[in-house]
């Protein structure tokens, strides 16, 4: 009888430990995601690109021209994203509607 009570406590303790570990891992994962998530992903790329340009040892004239080229490129890409954004939204909306017609409500 004593062995059964002891094993129940061990099972309960193990369940609590597993539950606590799950909460801890979830919290750490969320924290890491927010630190290295999508918004910071681009910051890391920009920093790496800036370091690569710095290693080229450009003179001031070259640096000015490179900066102008990069800014122009960024501007063009922004414009393309603005133009394409409604199209992308429309495609997503149509896909959502098609999926809703196939799936049954829960």
PDB file of N, CA and C in Angstrom:
ATOM      1  N   UNK A   1       0.818  -1.183   0.000  1.00  0.00           N
ATOM      2  CA  UNK A   1       0.000   0.000   0.000  1.00  0.00           C
ATOM      3  C   UNK A   1       0.871   1.259   0.000  1.00  0.00           C
ATOM      4  N   UNK A   2       1.904   1.218   0.809  1.00  0.00           N
ATOM      5  CA  UNK A   2       2.833   2.349   0.902  1.00  0.00           C
ATOM      6  C   UNK A   2       3.530   2.578  -0.442  1.00  0.00           C
ATOM      7  N   UNK A   3       3.847   1.498  -1.160  1.00  0.00           N
ATOM      8  CA  UNK A   3       4.510   1.607  -2.455  1.00  0.00           C
ATOM      9  C   UNK A   3       3.605   2.288  -3.467  1.00  0.00           C
ATOM     10  N   UNK A   4       2.314   2.030  -3.409  1.00  0.00           N
ATOM     11  CA  UNK A   4       1.366   2.641  -4.346  1.00  0.00           C
ATOM     12  C   UNK A   4       1.276   4.143  -4.088  1.00  0.00           C
ATOM     13  N   UNK A   5       1.191   4.546  -2.824  1.00  0.00           N
ATOM     14  CA  UNK A   5       1.140   5.970  -2.493  1.00  0.00           C
ATOM     15  C   UNK A   5       2.417   6.673  -2.931  1.00  0.00           C
ATOM     16  N   UNK A   6       3.550   6.007  -2.710  1.00  0.00           N
ATOM     17  CA  UNK A   6       4.841   6.586  -3.090  1.00  0.00           C
ATOM     18  C   UNK A   6       4.931   6.774  -4.601  1.00  0.00           C
ATOM     19  N   UNK A   7       4.481   5.777  -5.368  1.00  0.00           N
ATOM     20  CA  UNK A   7       4.564   5.890  -6.830  1.00  0.00           C
ATOM     21  C   UNK A   7       3.596   6.948  -7.353  1.00  0.00           C
ATOM     22  N   UNK A   8       2.458   7.119  -6.684  1.00  0.00           N
ATOM     23  CA  UNK A   8       1.533   8.180  -7.095  1.00  0.00           C
ATOM     24  C   UNK A   8       2.169   9.549  -6.917  1.00  0.00           C
ATOM     25  N   UNK A   9       2.842   9.747  -5.796  1.00  0.00           N
ATOM     26  CA  UNK A   9       3.531  11.017  -5.554  1.00  0.00           C
ATOM     27  C   UNK A   9       4.644  11.236  -6.574  1.00  0.00           C
ATOM     28  N   UNK A  10       5.340  10.177  -6.931  1.00  0.00           N
ATOM     29  CA  UNK A  10       6.411  10.298  -7.923  1.00  0.00           C
ATOM     30  C   UNK A  10       5.841  10.672  -9.291  1.00  0.00           C
ATOM     31  N   UNK A  11       4.728  10.054  -9.635  1.00  0.00           N
ATOM     32  CA  UNK A  11       4.085  10.370 -10.917  1.00  0.00           C
ATOM     33  C   UNK A  11       3.589  11.812 -10.912  1.00  0.00           C
ATOM     34  N   UNK A  12       2.977  12.229  -9.813  1.00  0.00           N
ATOM     35  CA  UNK A  12       2.493  13.600  -9.700  1.00  0.00           C
ATOM     36  C   UNK A  12       3.655  14.593  -9.779  1.00  0.00           C
ATOM     37  N   UNK A  13       4.732  14.302  -9.079  1.00  0.00           N
ATOM     38  CA  UNK A  13       5.907  15.177  -9.097  1.00  0.00           C
ATOM     39  C   UNK A  13       6.504  15.246 -10.500  1.00  0.00           C
ATOM     40  N   UNK A  14       6.583  14.118 -11.173  1.00  0.00           N
ATOM     41  CA  UNK A  14       7.124  14.096 -12.535  1.00  0.00           C
ATOM     42  C   UNK A  14       6.238  14.922 -13.471  1.00  0.00           C
ATOM     43  N   UNK A  15       4.930  14.813 -13.310  1.00  0.00           N
ATOM     44  CA  UNK A  15       4.011  15.604 -14.130  1.00  0.00           C
ATOM     45  C   UNK A  15       4.183  17.093 -13.902  1.00  0.00           C
ATOM     46  N   UNK A  16       4.348  17.475 -12.646  1.00  0.00           N
ATOM     47  CA  UNK A  16       4.557  18.891 -12.329  1.00  0.00           C
ATOM     48  C   UNK A  16       5.865  19.394 -12.923  1.00  0.00           C
ATOM     49  N   UNK A  17       6.921  18.579 -12.831  1.00  0.00           N
ATOM     50  CA  UNK A  17       8.223  18.967 -13.397  1.00  0.00           C
ATOM     51  C   UNK A  17       8.115  19.131 -14.909  1.00  0.00           C
ATOM     52  N   UNK A  18       7.461  18.185 -15.578  1.00  0.00           N
ATOM     53  CA  UNK A  18       7.302  18.271 -17.031  1.00  0.00           C
ATOM     54  C   UNK A  18       6.500  19.520 -17.401  1.00  0.00           C
ATOM     55  N   UNK A  19       5.444  19.792 -16.667  1.00  0.00           N
ATOM     56  CA  UNK A  19       4.620  20.974 -16.913  1.00  0.00           C
ATOM     57  C   UNK A  19       5.445  22.256 -16.739  1.00  0.00           C
ATOM     58  N   UNK A  20       6.211  22.326 -15.664  1.00  0.00           N
ATOM     59  CA  UNK A  20       7.041  23.509 -15.405  1.00  0.00           C
ATOM     60  C   UNK A  20       8.104  23.678 -16.488  1.00  0.00           C
ATOM     61  N   UNK A  21       8.702  22.574 -16.919  1.00  0.00           N
ATOM     62  CA  UNK A  21       9.692  22.658 -18.003  1.00  0.00           C
ATOM     63  C   UNK A  21       9.046  23.146 -19.298  1.00  0.00           C
ATOM     64  N   UNK A  22       7.842  22.700 -19.568  1.00  0.00           N
ATOM     65  CA  UNK A  22       7.132  23.152 -20.766  1.00  0.00           C
ATOM     66  C   UNK A  22       6.878  24.653 -20.734  1.00  0.00           C
ATOM     67  N   UNK A  23       6.463  25.148 -19.593  1.00  0.00           N
ATOM     68  CA  UNK A  23       6.234  26.588 -19.457  1.00  0.00           C
ATOM     69  C   UNK A  23       7.544  27.349 -19.642  1.00  0.00           C
ATOM     70  N   UNK A  24       8.616  26.842 -19.040  1.00  0.00           N
ATOM     71  CA  UNK A  24       9.922  27.513 -19.151  1.00  0.00           C
ATOM     72  C   UNK A  24      10.419  27.550 -20.589  1.00  0.00           C
ATOM     73  N   UNK A  25      10.322  26.416 -21.262  1.00  0.00           N
ATOM     74  CA  UNK A  25      10.779  26.354 -22.658  1.00  0.00           C
ATOM     75  C   UNK A  25       9.935  27.274 -23.532  1.00  0.00           C
ATOM     76  N   UNK A  26       8.636  27.304 -23.299  1.00  0.00           N
ATOM     77  CA  UNK A  26       7.765  28.204 -24.063  1.00  0.00           C
ATOM     78  C   UNK A  26       8.128  29.656 -23.849  1.00  0.00           C
ATOM     79  N   UNK A  27       8.377  30.030 -22.605  1.00  0.00           N
ATOM     80  CA  UNK A  27       8.743  31.420 -22.304  1.00  0.00           C
ATOM     81  C   UNK A  27      10.083  31.782 -22.939  1.00  0.00           C
ATOM     82  N   UNK A  28      11.054  30.879 -22.840  1.00  0.00           N
ATOM     83  CA  UNK A  28      12.362  31.155 -23.453  1.00  0.00           C
ATOM     84  C   UNK A  28      12.253  31.235 -24.973  1.00  0.00           C
ATOM     85  N   UNK A  29      11.475  30.343 -25.562  1.00  0.00           N
ATOM     86  CA  UNK A  29      11.294  30.370 -27.014  1.00  0.00           C
ATOM     87  C   UNK A  29      10.651  31.662 -27.477  1.00  0.00           C
ATOM     88  N   UNK A  30       9.649  32.110 -26.755  1.00  0.00           N
ATOM     89  CA  UNK A  30       8.986  33.371 -27.096  1.00  0.00           C
ATOM     90  C   UNK A  30       9.960  34.529 -26.978  1.00  0.00           C
ATOM     91  N   UNK A  31      10.747  34.519 -25.922  1.00  0.00           N
ATOM     92  CA  UNK A  31      11.728  35.576 -25.716  1.00  0.00           C
ATOM     93  C   UNK A  31      12.753  35.599 -26.853  1.00  0.00           C
ATOM     94  N   UNK A  32      13.262  34.437 -27.232  1.00  0.00           N
ATOM     95  CA  UNK A  32      14.228  34.369 -28.331  1.00  0.00           C
ATOM     96  C   UNK A  32      13.609  34.817 -29.652  1.00  0.00           C
ATOM     97  N   UNK A  33      12.354  34.433 -29.883  1.00  0.00           N
ATOM     98  CA  UNK A  33      11.687  34.832 -31.117  1.00  0.00           C
ATOM     99  C   UNK A  33      11.606  36.353 -31.208  1.00  0.00           C
ATOM    100  N   UNK A  34      11.242  36.985 -30.106  1.00  0.00           N
ATOM    101  CA  UNK A  34      11.106  38.437 -30.131  1.00  0.00           C
ATOM    102  C   UNK A  34      12.460  39.130 -30.246  1.00  0.00           C
ATOM    103  N   UNK A  35      13.505  38.507 -29.751  1.00  0.00           N
ATOM    104  CA  UNK A  35      14.838  39.100 -29.892  1.00  0.00           C
ATOM    105  C   UNK A  35      15.370  38.939 -31.304  1.00  0.00           C
ATOM    106  N   UNK A  36      15.157  37.768 -31.864  1.00  0.00           N
ATOM    107  CA  UNK A  36      15.724  37.464 -33.183  1.00  0.00           C
ATOM    108  C   UNK A  36      14.652  37.287 -34.238  1.00  0.00           C
ATOM    109  N   UNK A  37      13.476  37.739 -33.957  1.00  0.00           N
ATOM    110  CA  UNK A  37      12.342  37.574 -34.851  1.00  0.00           C
ATOM    111  C   UNK A  37      12.478  38.370 -36.132  1.00  0.00           C
ATOM    112  N   UNK A  38      11.427  38.396 -36.917  1.00  0.00           N
ATOM    113  CA  UNK A  38      11.455  39.043 -38.230  1.00  0.00           C
ATOM    114  C   UNK A  38      11.928  40.493 -38.217  1.00  0.00           C
ATOM    115  N   UNK A  39      11.519  41.272 -37.223  1.00  0.00           N
ATOM    116  CA  UNK A  39      11.912  42.685 -37.224  1.00  0.00           C
ATOM    117  C   UNK A  39      13.410  42.843 -37.011  1.00  0.00           C
ATOM    118  N   UNK A  40      14.004  42.005 -36.181  1.00  0.00           N
ATOM    119  CA  UNK A  40      15.439  42.088 -35.934  1.00  0.00           C
ATOM    120  C   UNK A  40      16.244  41.373 -37.009  1.00  0.00           C
ATOM    121  N   UNK A  41      15.608  40.493 -37.740  1.00  0.00           N
ATOM    122  CA  UNK A  41      16.279  39.767 -38.802  1.00  0.00           C
ATOM    123  C   UNK A  41      16.836  40.739 -39.844  1.00  0.00           C
ATOM    124  N   UNK A  42      16.046  41.730 -40.199  1.00  0.00           N
ATOM    125  CA  UNK A  42      16.493  42.695 -41.200  1.00  0.00           C
ATOM    126  C   UNK A  42      17.580  43.604 -40.649  1.00  0.00           C
ATOM    127  N   UNK A  43      17.508  43.919 -39.379  1.00  0.00           N
ATOM    128  CA  UNK A  43      18.546  44.750 -38.762  1.00  0.00           C
ATOM    129  C   UNK A  43      19.891  44.028 -38.837  1.00  0.00           C
ATOM    130  N   UNK A  44      19.902  42.737 -38.618  1.00  0.00           N
ATOM    131  CA  UNK A  44      21.135  41.958 -38.711  1.00  0.00           C
ATOM    132  C   UNK A  44      21.690  41.945 -40.122  1.00  0.00           C
ATOM    133  N   UNK A  45      20.812  41.843 -41.079  1.00  0.00           N
ATOM    134  CA  UNK A  45      21.253  41.865 -42.480  1.00  0.00           C
ATOM    135  C   UNK A  45      21.845  43.222 -42.846  1.00  0.00           C
ATOM    136  N   UNK A  46      21.181  44.279 -42.374  1.00  0.00           N
ATOM    137  CA  UNK A  46      21.696  45.626 -42.662  1.00  0.00           C
ATOM    138  C   UNK A  46      23.074  45.823 -42.052  1.00  0.00           C
ATOM    139  N   UNK A  47      23.241  45.343 -40.827  1.00  0.00           N
ATOM    140  CA  UNK A  47      24.529  45.481 -40.152  1.00  0.00           C
ATOM    141  C   UNK A  47      25.614  44.704 -40.896  1.00  0.00           C
ATOM    142  N   UNK A  48      25.302  43.496 -41.332  1.00  0.00           N
ATOM    143  CA  UNK A  48      26.268  42.688 -42.081  1.00  0.00           C
ATOM    144  C   UNK A  48      26.615  43.367 -43.402  1.00  0.00           C
ATOM    145  N   UNK A  49      25.613  43.936 -44.060  1.00  0.00           N
ATOM    146  CA  UNK A  49      25.873  44.626 -45.326  1.00  0.00           C
ATOM    147  C   UNK A  49      26.737  45.857 -45.100  1.00  0.00           C
ATOM    148  N   UNK A  50      26.440  46.601 -44.034  1.00  0.00           N
ATOM    149  CA  UNK A  50      27.233  47.791 -43.714  1.00  0.00           C
ATOM    150  C   UNK A  50      28.682  47.412 -43.436  1.00  0.00           C
ATOM    151  N   UNK A  51      28.884  46.294 -42.743  1.00  0.00           N
ATOM    152  CA  UNK A  51      30.252  45.833 -42.466  1.00  0.00           C
ATOM    153  C   UNK A  51      30.964  45.447 -43.769  1.00  0.00           C
ATOM    154  N   UNK A  52      30.238  44.796 -44.684  1.00  0.00           N
ATOM    155  CA  UNK A  52      30.840  44.405 -45.961  1.00  0.00           C
ATOM    156  C   UNK A  52      31.260  45.639 -46.757  1.00  0.00           C
ATOM    157  N   UNK A  53      30.417  46.663 -46.782  1.00  0.00           N
ATOM    158  CA  UNK A  53      30.747  47.896 -47.508  1.00  0.00           C
ATOM    159  C   UNK A  53      31.941  48.580 -46.847  1.00  0.00           C
ATOM    160  N   UNK A  54      31.983  48.548 -45.533  1.00  0.00           N
ATOM    161  CA  UNK A  54      33.090  49.175 -44.804  1.00  0.00           C
ATOM    162  C   UNK A  54      34.416  48.502 -45.137  1.00  0.00           C
ATOM    163  N   UNK A  55      34.390  47.191 -45.318  1.00  0.00           N
ATOM    164  CA  UNK A  55      35.608  46.441 -45.632  1.00  0.00           C
ATOM    165  C   UNK A  55      36.141  46.755 -47.036  1.00  0.00           C
ATOM    166  N   UNK A  56      35.339  47.386 -47.858  1.00  0.00           N
ATOM    167  CA  UNK A  56      35.792  47.756 -49.200  1.00  0.00           C
ATOM    168  C   UNK A  56      36.751  48.942 -49.175  1.00  0.00           C
ATOM    169  N   UNK A  57      36.800  49.640 -48.050  1.00  0.00           N
ATOM    170  CA  UNK A  57      37.682  50.806 -47.905  1.00  0.00           C
ATOM    171  C   UNK A  57      37.470  51.815 -49.039  1.00  0.00           C
ATOM    172  N   UNK A  58      36.238  52.226 -49.223  1.00  0.00           N
ATOM    173  CA  UNK A  58      35.913  53.174 -50.285  1.00  0.00           C
ATOM    174  C   UNK A  58      36.402  54.568 -49.910  1.00  0.00           C
ATOM    175  N   UNK A  59      36.802  55.317 -50.948  1.00  0.00           N
ATOM    176  CA  UNK A  59      37.129  56.716 -50.675  1.00  0.00           C
ATOM    177  C   UNK A  59      35.820  57.497 -50.579  1.00  0.00           C
ATOM    178  N   UNK A  60      35.916  58.766 -50.233  1.00  0.00           N
ATOM    179  CA  UNK A  60      34.688  59.543 -49.985  1.00  0.00           C
ATOM    180  C   UNK A  60      33.817  59.658 -51.234  1.00  0.00           C
ATOM    181  N   UNK A  61      34.427  59.808 -52.391  1.00  0.00           N
ATOM    182  CA  UNK A  61      33.652  59.910 -53.639  1.00  0.00           C
ATOM    183  C   UNK A  61      32.917  58.597 -53.917  1.00  0.00           C
ATOM    184  N   UNK A  62      33.631  57.469 -53.762  1.00  0.00           N
ATOM    185  CA  UNK A  62      32.996  56.169 -53.976  1.00  0.00           C
ATOM    186  C   UNK A  62      31.879  55.939 -52.961  1.00  0.00           C
ATOM    187  N   UNK A  63      32.131  56.306 -51.722  1.00  0.00           N
ATOM    188  CA  UNK A  63      31.129  56.114 -50.677  1.00  0.00           C
ATOM    189  C   UNK A  63      29.857  56.900 -50.980  1.00  0.00           C
ATOM    190  N   UNK A  64      30.036  58.139 -51.455  1.00  0.00           N
ATOM    191  CA  UNK A  64      28.889  58.966 -51.813  1.00  0.00           C
ATOM    192  C   UNK A  64      28.088  58.327 -52.944  1.00  0.00           C
ATOM    193  N   UNK A  65      28.788  57.823 -53.956  1.00  0.00           N
ATOM    194  CA  UNK A  65      28.111  57.192 -55.091  1.00  0.00           C
ATOM    195  C   UNK A  65      27.412  55.899 -54.677  1.00  0.00           C
ATOM    196  N   UNK A  66      28.091  55.106 -53.846  1.00  0.00           N
ATOM    197  CA  UNK A  66      27.492  53.849 -53.380  1.00  0.00           C
ATOM    198  C   UNK A  66      26.247  54.147 -52.546  1.00  0.00           C
ATOM    199  N   UNK A  67      26.327  55.125 -51.665  1.00  0.00           N
ATOM    200  CA  UNK A  67      25.172  55.503 -50.854  1.00  0.00           C
ATOM    201  C   UNK A  67      23.999  55.941 -51.724  1.00  0.00           C
ATOM    202  N   UNK A  68      24.292  56.707 -52.767  1.00  0.00           N
ATOM    203  CA  UNK A  68      23.235  57.171 -53.674  1.00  0.00           C
ATOM    204  C   UNK A  68      22.598  55.992 -54.411  1.00  0.00           C
ATOM    205  N   UNK A  69      23.433  55.072 -54.861  1.00  0.00           N
ATOM    206  CA  UNK A  69      22.922  53.886 -55.569  1.00  0.00           C
ATOM    207  C   UNK A  69      22.038  53.062 -54.642  1.00  0.00           C
ATOM    208  N   UNK A  70      22.488  52.857 -53.416  1.00  0.00           N
ATOM    209  CA  UNK A  70      21.719  52.055 -52.469  1.00  0.00           C
ATOM    210  C   UNK A  70      20.403  52.726 -52.097  1.00  0.00           C
ATOM    211  N   UNK A  71      20.429  54.027 -51.917  1.00  0.00           N
ATOM    212  CA  UNK A  71      19.195  54.744 -51.586  1.00  0.00           C
ATOM    213  C   UNK A  71      18.214  54.694 -52.752  1.00  0.00           C
ATOM    214  N   UNK A  72      18.721  54.836 -53.959  1.00  0.00           N
ATOM    215  CA  UNK A  72      17.863  54.745 -55.142  1.00  0.00           C
ATOM    216  C   UNK A  72      17.241  53.354 -55.242  1.00  0.00           C
ATOM    217  N   UNK A  73      18.051  52.349 -54.980  1.00  0.00           N
ATOM    218  CA  UNK A  73      17.553  50.970 -55.019  1.00  0.00           C
ATOM    219  C   UNK A  73      16.472  50.755 -53.967  1.00  0.00           C
ATOM    220  N   UNK A  74      16.711  51.244 -52.761  1.00  0.00           N
ATOM    221  CA  UNK A  74      15.704  51.122 -51.695  1.00  0.00           C
ATOM    222  C   UNK A  74      14.396  51.809 -52.105  1.00  0.00           C
ATOM    223  N   UNK A  75      14.527  52.982 -52.700  1.00  0.00           N
ATOM    224  CA  UNK A  75      13.349  53.730 -53.130  1.00  0.00           C
ATOM    225  C   UNK A  75      12.573  52.958 -54.188  1.00  0.00           C
ATOM    226  N   UNK A  76      13.279  52.410 -55.153  1.00  0.00           N
ATOM    227  CA  UNK A  76      12.623  51.633 -56.201  1.00  0.00           C
ATOM    228  C   UNK A  76      11.920  50.406 -55.622  1.00  0.00           C
ATOM    229  N   UNK A  77      12.582  49.725 -54.693  1.00  0.00           N
ATOM    230  CA  UNK A  77      11.980  48.545 -54.071  1.00  0.00           C
ATOM    231  C   UNK A  77      10.747  48.914 -53.251  1.00  0.00           C
ATOM    232  N   UNK A  78      10.801  50.051 -52.559  1.00  0.00           N
ATOM    233  CA  UNK A  78       9.629  50.519 -51.817  1.00  0.00           C
ATOM    234  C   UNK A  78       8.456  50.741 -52.762  1.00  0.00           C
ATOM    235  N   UNK A  79       8.739  51.378 -53.899  1.00  0.00           N
ATOM    236  CA  UNK A  79       7.683  51.642 -54.882  1.00  0.00           C
ATOM    237  C   UNK A  79       7.074  50.347 -55.409  1.00  0.00           C
ATOM    238  N   UNK A  80       7.916  49.377 -55.707  1.00  0.00           N
ATOM    239  CA  UNK A  80       7.417  48.091 -56.210  1.00  0.00           C
ATOM    240  C   UNK A  80       6.554  47.416 -55.154  1.00  0.00           C
ATOM    241  N   UNK A  81       6.999  47.452 -53.898  1.00  0.00           N
ATOM    242  CA  UNK A  81       6.196  46.839 -52.823  1.00  0.00           C
ATOM    243  C   UNK A  81       4.845  47.519 -52.700  1.00  0.00           C
ATOM    244  N   UNK A  82       4.817  48.849 -52.826  1.00  0.00           N
ATOM    245  CA  UNK A  82       3.543  49.571 -52.743  1.00  0.00           C
ATOM    246  C   UNK A  82       2.622  49.184 -53.893  1.00  0.00           C
ATOM    247  N   UNK A  83       3.191  49.023 -55.093  1.00  0.00           N
ATOM    248  CA  UNK A  83       2.391  48.645 -56.257  1.00  0.00           C
ATOM    249  C   UNK A  83       1.859  47.216 -56.114  1.00  0.00           C
ATOM    250  N   UNK A  84       2.706  46.329 -55.618  1.00  0.00           N
ATOM    251  CA  UNK A  84       2.353  44.920 -55.559  1.00  0.00           C
ATOM    252  C   UNK A  84       1.513  44.564 -54.342  1.00  0.00           C
ATOM    253  N   UNK A  85       1.540  45.395 -53.323  1.00  0.00           N
ATOM    254  CA  UNK A  85       0.829  45.079 -52.090  1.00  0.00           C
ATOM    255  C   UNK A  85      -0.661  44.804 -52.306  1.00  0.00           C
ATOM    256  N   UNK A  86      -1.377  45.632 -53.075  1.00  0.00           N
ATOM    257  CA  UNK A  86      -2.800  45.327 -53.307  1.00  0.00           C
ATOM    258  C   UNK A  86      -2.999  44.002 -54.047  1.00  0.00           C
ATOM    259  N   UNK A  87      -2.119  43.704 -54.989  1.00  0.00           N
ATOM    260  CA  UNK A  87      -2.229  42.440 -55.718  1.00  0.00           C
ATOM    261  C   UNK A  87      -2.032  41.260 -54.779  1.00  0.00           C
ATOM    262  N   UNK A  88      -1.031  41.358 -53.916  1.00  0.00           N
ATOM    263  CA  UNK A  88      -0.752  40.287 -52.962  1.00  0.00           C
ATOM    264  C   UNK A  88      -1.939  40.126 -52.017  1.00  0.00           C
ATOM    265  N   UNK A  89      -2.480  41.230 -51.541  1.00  0.00           N
ATOM    266  CA  UNK A  89      -3.643  41.169 -50.646  1.00  0.00           C
ATOM    267  C   UNK A  89      -4.834  40.529 -51.347  1.00  0.00           C
ATOM    268  N   UNK A  90      -5.030  40.862 -52.613  1.00  0.00           N
ATOM    269  CA  UNK A  90      -6.142  40.292 -53.379  1.00  0.00           C
ATOM    270  C   UNK A  90      -5.965  38.783 -53.533  1.00  0.00           C
ATOM    271  N   UNK A  91      -4.755  38.348 -53.847  1.00  0.00           N
ATOM    272  CA  UNK A  91      -4.483  36.918 -53.996  1.00  0.00           C
ATOM    273  C   UNK A  91      -4.736  36.190 -52.677  1.00  0.00           C
ATOM    274  N   UNK A  92      -4.273  36.769 -51.576  1.00  0.00           N
ATOM    275  CA  UNK A  92      -4.492  36.150 -50.267  1.00  0.00           C
ATOM    276  C   UNK A  92      -5.976  36.069 -49.934  1.00  0.00           C
ATOM    277  N   UNK A  93      -6.713  37.138 -50.227  1.00  0.00           N
ATOM    278  CA  UNK A  93      -8.156  37.153 -49.945  1.00  0.00           C
ATOM    279  C   UNK A  93      -8.878  36.091 -50.766  1.00  0.00           C
ATOM    280  N   UNK A  94      -8.540  35.974 -52.045  1.00  0.00           N
ATOM    281  CA  UNK A  94      -9.175  34.960 -52.887  1.00  0.00           C
ATOM    282  C   UNK A  94      -8.854  33.555 -52.389  1.00  0.00           C
ATOM    283  N   UNK A  95      -7.607  33.331 -51.983  1.00  0.00           N
ATOM    284  CA  UNK A  95      -7.226  32.026 -51.450  1.00  0.00           C
ATOM    285  C   UNK A  95      -8.003  31.730 -50.165  1.00  0.00           C
ATOM    286  N   UNK A  96      -8.151  32.730 -49.308  1.00  0.00           N
ATOM    287  CA  UNK A  96      -8.901  32.576 -48.062  1.00  0.00           C
ATOM    288  C   UNK A  96     -10.357  32.191 -48.365  1.00  0.00           C
ATOM    289  N   UNK A  97     -10.955  32.870 -49.340  1.00  0.00           N
ATOM    290  CA  UNK A  97     -12.342  32.579 -49.708  1.00  0.00           C
ATOM    291  C   UNK A  97     -12.473  31.172 -50.277  1.00  0.00           C
ATOM    292  N   UNK A  98     -11.527  30.781 -51.111  1.00  0.00           N
ATOM    293  CA  UNK A  98     -11.554  29.427 -51.689  1.00  0.00           C
ATOM    294  C   UNK A  98     -11.415  28.369 -50.606  1.00  0.00           C
ATOM    295  N   UNK A  99     -10.509  28.619 -49.660  1.00  0.00           N
ATOM    296  CA  UNK A  99     -10.326  27.664 -48.569  1.00  0.00           C
ATOM    297  C   UNK A  99     -11.569  27.569 -47.695  1.00  0.00           C
ATOM    298  N   UNK A 100     -12.212  28.697 -47.444  1.00  0.00           N
ATOM    299  CA  UNK A 100     -13.416  28.691 -46.617  1.00  0.00           C
ATOM    300  C   UNK A 100     -14.552  27.923 -47.293  1.00  0.00           C
ATOM    301  N   UNK A 101     -14.573  27.947 -48.635  1.00  0.00           N
ATOM    302  CA  UNK A 101     -15.623  27.208 -49.332  1.00  0.00           C
ATOM    303  C   UNK A 101     -15.386  25.707 -49.255  1.00  0.00           C
ATOM    304  N   UNK A 102     -14.154  25.294 -49.027  1.00  0.00           N
ATOM    305  CA  UNK A 102     -13.830  23.870 -48.950  1.00  0.00           C
ATOM    306  C   UNK A 102     -13.926  23.339 -47.527  1.00  0.00           C
ATOM    307  N   UNK A 103     -13.472  24.140 -46.577  1.00  0.00           N
ATOM    308  CA  UNK A 103     -13.407  23.692 -45.181  1.00  0.00           C
ATOM    309  C   UNK A 103     -14.762  23.805 -44.504  1.00  0.00           C
ATOM    310  N   UNK A 104     -14.997  22.918 -43.552  1.00  0.00           N
ATOM    311  CA  UNK A 104     -16.242  22.971 -42.789  1.00  0.00           C
ATOM    312  C   UNK A 104     -15.970  23.667 -41.448  1.00  0.00           C
ATOM    313  N   UNK A 105     -16.950  24.422 -40.953  1.00  0.00           N
ATOM    314  CA  UNK A 105     -16.770  25.093 -39.667  1.00  0.00           C
ATOM    315  C   UNK A 105     -16.685  24.080 -38.529  1.00  0.00           C
ATOM    316  N   UNK A 106     -15.971  24.437 -37.502  1.00  0.00           N
ATOM    317  CA  UNK A 106     -15.805  23.533 -36.349  1.00  0.00           C
ATOM    318  C   UNK A 106     -16.926  23.726 -35.374  1.00  0.00           C
TER     319      UNK A 106
END
